[in-house]
Amino acid sequence: MRTVFFASSPFAIPTLDHLAQRCEIPLIVSQPDRPAGRGSRIRPTPVTQWAHEHLAGTPVLKPDDVNAPPSIARIRAAAPDAFVVIAYGQKLSPDLLSDVFAINLHASLLPRWRGAAPIHAAILAGDTRTGNTVITLAERMDAGLICAQESVPIDTSTTTGDLHDLLARQGAPLVARVLEEHARGELHTTPQDESLVTYARKISRADARLDFSEPADLLRRRINALSPRPGVLAHLGTHQLKLLRAATAPDVENAGHEPGTLIDPAEGIVSCAQGGTLRLLEVQPAGGRPMPWSDFARGRRPEIGTRISGASP
């Protein structure tokens, strides 16, 4: 099938790579180059950059408005059989979608977690499973017909970064399967159950607060959900850290320590509210690299009773 690929985020790259080996991609559509990073240099999206490096013969369209008549004309000129849309950043209009089979890869088990940050939301909510859903494009956000789903477990120490990379890889063959079934006339779709819809709002730095008066499991979920970005910042004595991975430690006795006290420096055990304990598994010192807590503890030698508290995001 001739497939026009709409995407901007790194999440889409495994699917683009997979499809480029299996079908014809006459055009890639991505967001315009914009200022990013230190110095606010003008940079292409990750998808544009990857396409230039790996698909040099494939044109990339970067319209400010994908629904403007010149953009629609350019996309239609590619004679597409299908559109694949993954974390693109603009809504496609009915005029653009007319008479083209169009699907979207969404990183949740729809109808749970429609919206901007479904991976973060699943971990924050304490879900034990999430996955990918391929849907048809619809007028309402993430409300299309379900074409295929695949689920994965969420372990207690799984981070958003872990799930992002896993779901990006697993989404590629799922999208390819839907395109193949559609081409053979064998695709079956099901509507979403609107009574089960939940929404995943956009994550901000304000979500990365750290308060050890909260239960240990809530802190675990927040640390893992906000890793690697924006990251939960903390002060441990005189050190500033980004907390990248945590687990609860129900087998460790709190023994009445004040919340936010380091009670086992070697294992990274911190006392929390209601007698709970949190185990810090991975951290990143300011100006340093991510590392296991054990490596940090060997180098910095924190002491029992050291206080840990939230830092301004």
Protein backbone atom coordinates (compact mmCIF):
# COMPACT_ATOMS: atom_id res chain seq x y z
CA MET A 1 0.00 0.00 0.00
CA ARG A 2 1.10 3.57 -0.66
CA THR A 3 1.15 4.97 2.86
CA VAL A 4 1.62 8.61 3.82
CA PHE A 5 3.16 8.73 7.29
CA PHE A 6 2.28 11.59 9.68
CA ALA A 7 4.52 11.79 12.77
CA SER A 8 6.85 14.00 14.78
CA SER A 9 7.78 12.13 17.97
CA PRO A 10 10.51 9.49 18.48
CA PHE A 11 7.67 7.11 19.44
CA ALA A 12 6.80 6.83 15.74
CA ILE A 13 10.28 5.95 14.45
CA PRO A 14 10.14 2.14 14.95
CA THR A 15 6.87 2.02 13.01
CA LEU A 16 8.24 4.19 10.21
CA ASP A 17 11.31 1.95 9.98
CA HIS A 18 9.14 -1.18 9.96
CA LEU A 19 6.73 0.10 7.32
CA ALA A 20 9.49 1.45 5.09
CA GLN A 21 10.67 -2.15 4.64
CA ARG A 22 7.20 -3.46 3.81
CA CYS A 23 5.24 -0.88 1.86
CA GLU A 24 5.72 2.18 -0.30
CA ILE A 25 5.97 5.48 1.60
CA PRO A 26 5.75 8.26 -0.99
CA LEU A 27 5.63 11.06 1.59
CA ILE A 28 6.33 11.76 5.27
CA VAL A 29 4.54 14.64 6.98
CA SER A 30 6.02 16.14 10.16
CA GLN A 31 5.88 19.34 12.18
CA PRO A 32 7.99 22.32 11.03
CA ASP A 33 11.55 22.77 12.26
CA ARG A 34 11.47 24.77 15.49
CA PRO A 35 13.84 26.16 18.18
CA ALA A 36 14.84 23.47 20.68
CA GLY A 37 17.51 22.58 23.19
CA ARG A 38 20.31 24.74 24.50
CA GLY A 39 20.71 27.89 22.50
CA SER A 40 17.25 27.40 20.96
CA ARG A 41 18.74 26.30 17.65
CA ILE A 42 16.28 25.53 14.87
CA ARG A 43 15.97 21.76 14.77
CA PRO A 44 13.89 19.27 12.79
CA THR A 45 11.58 16.87 14.55
CA PRO A 46 13.06 13.48 15.47
CA VAL A 47 11.04 11.88 12.66
CA THR A 48 12.33 14.39 10.08
CA GLN A 49 15.90 13.88 11.26
CA TRP A 50 15.57 10.09 11.14
CA ALA A 51 14.01 10.20 7.67
CA HIS A 52 16.83 12.36 6.31
CA GLU A 53 19.39 9.88 7.68
CA HIS A 54 17.66 6.61 6.75
CA LEU A 55 15.14 7.37 3.99
CA ALA A 56 17.01 9.97 1.99
CA GLY A 57 14.87 9.47 -1.10
CA THR A 58 11.57 10.05 0.67
CA PRO A 59 10.30 13.65 0.70
CA VAL A 60 9.31 15.19 4.03
CA LEU A 61 6.54 17.80 4.11
CA LYS A 62 6.63 20.16 7.13
CA PRO A 63 3.55 22.40 6.88
CA ASP A 64 2.54 24.97 9.47
CA ASP A 65 -1.05 23.98 8.67
CA VAL A 66 -1.53 20.49 7.34
CA ASN A 67 -5.14 21.29 6.47
CA ALA A 68 -4.37 24.31 4.28
CA PRO A 69 -5.27 23.77 0.60
CA PRO A 70 -1.63 23.66 -0.61
CA SER A 71 -0.80 21.00 2.00
CA ILE A 72 -3.84 18.92 1.09
CA ALA A 73 -2.96 19.16 -2.60
CA ARG A 74 0.63 18.04 -1.95
CA ILE A 75 -0.50 15.08 0.16
CA ARG A 76 -3.17 14.07 -2.34
CA ALA A 77 -0.59 14.23 -5.12
CA ALA A 78 1.21 11.35 -3.39
CA ALA A 79 -1.77 9.14 -4.35
CA PRO A 80 -2.05 7.49 -0.92
CA ASP A 81 -3.93 4.29 -0.19
CA ALA A 82 -3.61 4.90 3.55
CA PHE A 83 -2.54 7.39 6.21
CA VAL A 84 -0.69 6.32 9.36
CA VAL A 85 -0.71 8.97 12.10
CA ILE A 86 1.45 8.66 15.22
CA ALA A 87 2.08 11.56 17.63
CA TYR A 88 2.00 14.02 14.76
CA GLY A 89 0.81 17.18 16.54
CA GLN A 90 -1.95 18.50 14.24
CA LYS A 91 -5.48 17.29 13.78
CA LEU A 92 -6.32 16.14 10.25
CA SER A 93 -9.43 17.72 8.76
CA PRO A 94 -12.33 15.83 7.11
CA ASP A 95 -11.25 17.31 3.76
CA LEU A 96 -7.81 15.74 4.14
CA LEU A 97 -9.18 12.42 5.38
CA SER A 98 -11.85 12.08 2.71
CA ASP A 99 -11.77 8.69 0.95
CA VAL A 100 -8.49 7.55 2.54
CA PHE A 101 -8.10 4.73 5.06
CA ALA A 102 -6.51 6.50 8.06
CA ILE A 103 -5.29 4.93 11.30
CA ASN A 104 -3.59 6.09 14.46
CA LEU A 105 -1.32 4.25 16.91
CA HIS A 106 -2.14 5.25 20.50
CA ALA A 107 -0.13 4.10 23.53
CA SER A 108 -2.94 2.88 25.77
CA LEU A 109 -5.66 0.26 25.89
CA LEU A 110 -8.44 2.49 24.62
CA PRO A 111 -10.92 3.65 25.73
CA ARG A 112 -8.70 4.00 28.82
CA TRP A 113 -6.41 7.01 28.69
CA ARG A 114 -7.39 9.01 25.68
CA GLY A 115 -5.35 12.19 25.44
CA ALA A 116 -1.88 13.64 25.58
CA ALA A 117 0.05 11.53 28.11
CA PRO A 118 -1.37 8.00 28.25
CA ILE A 119 1.84 6.28 29.38
CA HIS A 120 2.38 8.70 32.27
CA ALA A 121 -1.28 8.39 33.23
CA ALA A 122 -1.23 4.59 33.39
CA ILE A 123 1.73 4.55 35.78
CA LEU A 124 0.40 7.42 37.90
CA ALA A 125 -2.92 5.63 38.30
CA GLY A 126 -1.26 2.39 39.37
CA ASP A 127 -2.50 0.40 36.36
CA THR A 128 -1.00 -3.08 36.14
CA ARG A 129 -1.36 -3.30 32.35
CA THR A 130 -1.29 -0.95 29.39
CA GLY A 131 -0.58 -1.40 25.70
CA ASN A 132 -1.12 -0.12 22.18
CA THR A 133 -4.32 0.44 20.27
CA VAL A 134 -4.63 1.05 16.54
CA ILE A 135 -7.78 3.05 15.77
CA THR A 136 -9.36 4.71 12.79
CA LEU A 137 -9.23 8.50 12.84
CA ALA A 138 -12.38 10.20 14.15
CA GLU A 139 -13.66 13.70 14.71
CA ARG A 140 -13.24 13.39 18.50
CA MET A 141 -9.80 12.82 19.97
CA ASP A 142 -8.81 9.13 20.17
CA ALA A 143 -12.43 8.06 19.68
CA GLY A 144 -12.10 6.00 16.49
CA LEU A 145 -12.97 2.38 15.90
CA ILE A 146 -10.55 -0.15 17.40
CA CYS A 147 -8.66 -2.07 14.71
CA ALA A 148 -6.20 -3.95 16.95
CA GLN A 149 -4.84 -3.97 20.50
CA GLU A 150 -1.91 -5.53 22.31
CA SER A 151 -1.28 -5.31 26.05
CA VAL A 152 1.85 -5.39 28.22
CA PRO A 153 2.28 -5.58 32.01
CA ILE A 154 3.42 -2.66 34.13
CA ASP A 155 5.81 -3.79 36.87
CA THR A 156 6.14 -1.81 40.10
CA SER A 157 9.50 -0.34 39.00
CA THR A 158 8.56 0.32 35.34
CA THR A 159 9.11 3.92 34.23
CA THR A 160 7.50 5.97 31.49
CA GLY A 161 10.78 5.75 29.57
CA ASP A 162 10.69 1.95 29.74
CA LEU A 163 7.10 1.77 28.52
CA HIS A 164 7.62 4.40 25.82
CA ASP A 165 10.41 2.38 24.21
CA LEU A 166 8.65 -0.97 24.60
CA LEU A 167 5.35 0.25 23.17
CA ALA A 168 7.11 2.06 20.32
CA ARG A 169 8.75 -1.21 19.29
CA GLN A 170 5.64 -3.34 19.73
CA GLY A 171 3.41 -0.87 17.91
CA ALA A 172 5.27 -1.27 14.62
CA PRO A 173 4.10 -4.80 13.71
CA LEU A 174 0.63 -4.01 15.05
CA VAL A 175 0.23 -1.13 12.60
CA ALA A 176 1.62 -3.25 9.76
CA ARG A 177 -0.87 -6.02 10.57
CA VAL A 178 -3.80 -3.60 10.40
CA LEU A 179 -2.67 -2.26 7.03
CA GLU A 180 -2.27 -5.79 5.67
CA GLU A 181 -5.70 -6.88 6.93
CA HIS A 182 -7.27 -3.77 5.39
CA ALA A 183 -5.55 -4.44 2.06
CA ARG A 184 -6.90 -8.00 2.05
CA GLY A 185 -10.40 -6.85 3.01
CA GLU A 186 -10.17 -8.82 6.27
CA LEU A 187 -10.01 -6.00 8.84
CA HIS A 188 -12.63 -6.12 11.60
CA THR A 189 -13.20 -3.09 13.81
CA THR A 190 -15.09 -2.56 17.07
CA PRO A 191 -16.43 0.66 18.61
CA GLN A 192 -15.05 1.90 21.91
CA ASP A 193 -17.18 1.59 25.04
CA GLU A 194 -17.83 5.24 25.89
CA SER A 195 -18.78 4.32 29.47
CA LEU A 196 -15.15 3.26 30.10
CA VAL A 197 -13.43 6.40 28.75
CA THR A 198 -10.75 8.06 30.87
CA TYR A 199 -8.57 11.02 29.88
CA ALA A 200 -4.81 11.53 30.23
CA ARG A 201 -4.05 15.20 30.65
CA LYS A 202 -0.78 16.77 29.60
CA ILE A 203 2.03 16.39 32.16
CA SER A 204 3.83 19.48 33.49
CA ARG A 205 6.75 20.10 35.82
CA ALA A 206 4.24 20.89 38.56
CA ASP A 207 3.40 17.17 38.63
CA ALA A 208 6.97 16.35 39.66
CA ARG A 209 6.54 17.42 43.27
CA LEU A 210 7.99 15.28 46.06
CA ASP A 211 6.28 15.15 49.46
CA PHE A 212 7.18 12.35 51.86
CA SER A 213 4.06 12.98 53.90
CA GLU A 214 2.30 11.09 51.07
CA PRO A 215 2.05 7.27 50.99
CA ALA A 216 5.04 5.37 49.62
CA ASP A 217 3.13 3.81 46.73
CA LEU A 218 1.93 7.19 45.49
CA LEU A 219 5.51 8.49 45.57
CA ARG A 220 6.73 5.40 43.71
CA ARG A 221 4.18 5.92 40.98
CA ARG A 222 5.03 9.61 40.65
CA ILE A 223 8.78 9.04 40.43
CA ASN A 224 8.41 6.28 37.83
CA ALA A 225 5.76 8.11 35.82
CA LEU A 226 7.83 11.29 35.58
CA SER A 227 11.02 9.46 34.55
CA PRO A 228 12.97 10.40 32.54
CA ARG A 229 11.16 13.68 31.87
CA PRO A 230 10.46 16.04 33.49
CA GLY A 231 11.88 14.04 36.40
CA VAL A 232 11.29 14.32 40.14
CA LEU A 233 13.98 16.50 41.74
CA ALA A 234 15.10 16.09 45.33
CA HIS A 235 17.67 17.34 47.85
CA LEU A 236 19.52 14.64 49.77
CA GLY A 237 21.51 16.55 52.34
CA THR A 238 23.67 18.85 50.20
CA HIS A 239 23.18 16.85 47.00
CA GLN A 240 20.56 17.57 44.34
CA LEU A 241 19.26 14.49 42.56
CA LYS A 242 16.81 13.54 39.89
CA LEU A 243 14.95 10.43 41.08
CA LEU A 244 14.58 8.12 38.08
CA ARG A 245 13.27 4.82 39.43
CA ALA A 246 11.75 3.65 42.70
CA ALA A 247 9.91 0.76 44.32
CA THR A 248 8.12 0.36 47.60
CA ALA A 249 9.87 -1.62 50.34
CA PRO A 250 7.08 -3.23 52.37
CA ASP A 251 9.54 -5.71 53.92
CA VAL A 252 11.53 -2.90 55.62
CA GLU A 253 10.54 -1.74 59.09
CA ASN A 254 10.01 2.02 59.31
CA ALA A 255 10.28 2.04 63.12
CA GLY A 256 8.72 5.47 63.50
CA HIS A 257 11.22 7.51 61.51
CA GLU A 258 10.09 10.92 60.31
CA PRO A 259 8.89 10.89 56.68
CA GLY A 260 11.70 11.79 54.31
CA THR A 261 14.48 10.21 56.40
CA LEU A 262 17.09 7.90 54.86
CA ILE A 263 16.95 4.78 57.04
CA ASP A 264 19.13 2.42 54.97
CA PRO A 265 21.79 4.28 52.96
CA ALA A 266 23.12 1.16 51.21
CA GLU A 267 19.70 0.16 49.87
CA GLY A 268 18.28 3.66 49.34
CA ILE A 269 15.37 3.13 51.77
CA VAL A 270 13.47 6.29 52.74
CA SER A 271 10.72 6.53 55.35
CA CYS A 272 7.31 7.74 54.19
CA ALA A 273 3.92 8.53 55.70
CA GLN A 274 1.83 5.94 57.52
CA GLY A 275 4.85 3.77 58.29
CA GLY A 276 5.64 3.10 54.61
CA THR A 277 9.06 2.91 52.99
CA LEU A 278 10.34 3.77 49.53
CA ARG A 279 13.35 2.18 47.83
CA LEU A 280 15.31 4.47 45.49
CA LEU A 281 16.66 2.34 42.62
CA GLU A 282 18.09 4.83 40.12
CA VAL A 283 19.14 8.46 40.45
CA GLN A 284 20.97 11.15 38.52
CA PRO A 285 23.17 13.60 40.45
CA ALA A 286 23.15 17.20 39.22
CA GLY A 287 25.55 17.42 36.29
CA GLY A 288 26.09 13.66 36.33
CA ARG A 289 24.83 10.58 34.55
CA PRO A 290 21.98 8.27 35.57
CA MET A 291 23.19 5.53 37.89
CA PRO A 292 21.91 2.82 40.23
CA TRP A 293 21.42 4.00 43.78
CA SER A 294 24.10 1.54 44.91
CA ASP A 295 26.71 3.33 42.77
CA PHE A 296 25.64 6.72 44.10
CA ALA A 297 25.77 5.49 47.70
CA ARG A 298 29.28 4.03 47.29
CA GLY A 299 30.58 7.31 45.93
CA ARG A 300 28.75 9.81 48.15
CA ARG A 301 28.36 7.73 51.34
CA PRO A 302 25.09 9.20 52.65
CA GLU A 303 24.42 8.52 56.34
CA ILE A 304 21.46 7.11 58.23
CA GLY A 305 19.13 9.92 59.21
CA THR A 306 19.96 12.15 56.21
CA ARG A 307 16.89 14.08 55.16
CA ILE A 308 15.54 13.98 51.62
CA SER A 309 13.11 16.59 50.39
CA GLY A 310 11.60 17.89 47.18
CA ALA A 311 13.42 20.44 45.05
CA SER A 312 11.73 23.06 42.91
CA PRO A 313 11.06 21.63 39.42
